[in-house]
Protein backbone atom coordinates (compact mmCIF):
# COMPACT_ATOMS: atom_id res chain seq x y z
CA UNK A 1 164.09 205.13 113.14
CA UNK A 2 166.25 202.16 112.31
CA UNK A 3 164.65 198.73 112.23
CA UNK A 4 165.91 196.20 114.76
CA UNK A 5 166.76 193.21 112.59
CA UNK A 6 169.03 190.24 113.05
CA UNK A 7 172.09 190.16 110.79
CA UNK A 8 170.48 187.51 108.55
CA UNK A 9 167.23 189.47 108.30
CA UNK A 10 169.17 192.66 107.56
CA UNK A 11 170.99 190.98 104.66
CA UNK A 12 167.74 189.51 103.32
CA UNK A 13 166.01 192.91 103.52
CA UNK A 14 168.91 194.61 101.75
CA UNK A 15 168.69 192.05 98.95
CA UNK A 16 164.91 192.53 98.63
CA UNK A 17 165.23 196.31 98.67
CA UNK A 18 167.98 196.22 96.05
CA UNK A 19 165.97 193.89 93.79
CA UNK A 20 162.94 196.20 94.04
CA UNK A 21 165.02 199.32 93.40
CA UNK A 22 166.44 197.78 90.24
CA UNK A 23 163.10 196.89 88.60
CA UNK A 24 162.52 198.67 85.27
CA UNK A 25 159.70 200.82 86.68
CA UNK A 26 161.76 202.00 89.68
CA UNK A 27 164.81 202.70 87.52
CA UNK A 28 162.67 204.75 85.13
CA UNK A 29 161.20 206.73 88.03
CA UNK A 30 164.63 207.39 89.51
CA UNK A 31 166.01 208.54 86.13
CA UNK A 32 162.96 210.75 85.57
CA UNK A 33 163.27 212.30 89.03
CA UNK A 34 166.96 213.04 88.35
CA UNK A 35 166.10 214.78 85.06
CA UNK A 36 163.35 216.77 86.74
CA UNK A 37 165.62 217.75 89.64
CA UNK A 38 168.33 219.01 87.28
CA UNK A 39 165.78 221.11 85.41
CA UNK A 40 163.91 222.41 88.48
CA UNK A 41 166.75 224.17 90.24
CA UNK A 42 165.99 225.70 93.67
CA UNK A 43 162.29 224.78 93.47
CA UNK A 44 163.25 221.15 94.14
CA UNK A 45 165.37 221.81 97.23
CA UNK A 46 164.38 219.49 100.08
CA UNK A 47 161.48 218.05 98.05
CA UNK A 48 160.63 214.72 96.41
CA UNK A 49 159.11 214.35 92.96
CA UNK A 50 155.62 212.85 93.10
CA UNK A 51 155.18 210.75 89.95
CA UNK A 52 151.44 210.45 90.48
CA UNK A 53 150.75 214.18 90.77
CA UNK A 54 153.68 215.23 88.54
CA UNK A 55 154.94 217.88 90.98
CA UNK A 56 157.44 218.50 93.78
CA UNK A 57 156.19 217.74 97.29
CA UNK A 58 157.69 217.58 100.73
CA UNK A 59 158.91 214.07 101.58
CA UNK A 60 156.27 213.82 104.32
CA UNK A 61 153.44 214.61 101.91
CA UNK A 62 154.80 212.47 99.07
CA UNK A 63 155.67 209.36 101.08
CA UNK A 64 152.46 209.52 103.10
CA UNK A 65 150.28 209.73 99.97
CA UNK A 66 148.57 212.95 101.14
CA UNK A 67 147.53 211.34 104.42
CA UNK A 68 146.00 208.22 102.86
CA UNK A 69 148.98 205.96 103.51
CA UNK A 70 150.71 203.81 100.93
CA UNK A 71 148.80 200.52 101.03
CA UNK A 72 146.22 201.68 98.50
CA UNK A 73 149.03 202.67 96.12
CA UNK A 74 150.67 199.26 96.13
CA UNK A 75 151.55 197.99 92.68
CA UNK A 76 150.39 201.10 90.82
CA UNK A 77 152.46 202.34 87.93
CA UNK A 78 152.61 206.02 87.08
CA UNK A 79 153.81 207.60 83.86
CA UNK A 80 157.41 208.75 83.98
CA UNK A 81 157.40 210.57 80.60
């Protein structure tokens, strides 16, 4: 569901999101996930790579942190090989 933000808030959020996505840790995770996806083939279809568990998971399972939510994960860094 799309967030209902004012134009100024939308621009500010886009800038924050972009800055976070371009941090060295996030860039390394994105590059690692791309390498893993290329190597995995059909196994990775419609799945996200979980850097903590080092395996492919459904987006629901991965983004929900196995039902624990994401607040406890905040700021953690996982190995990206």
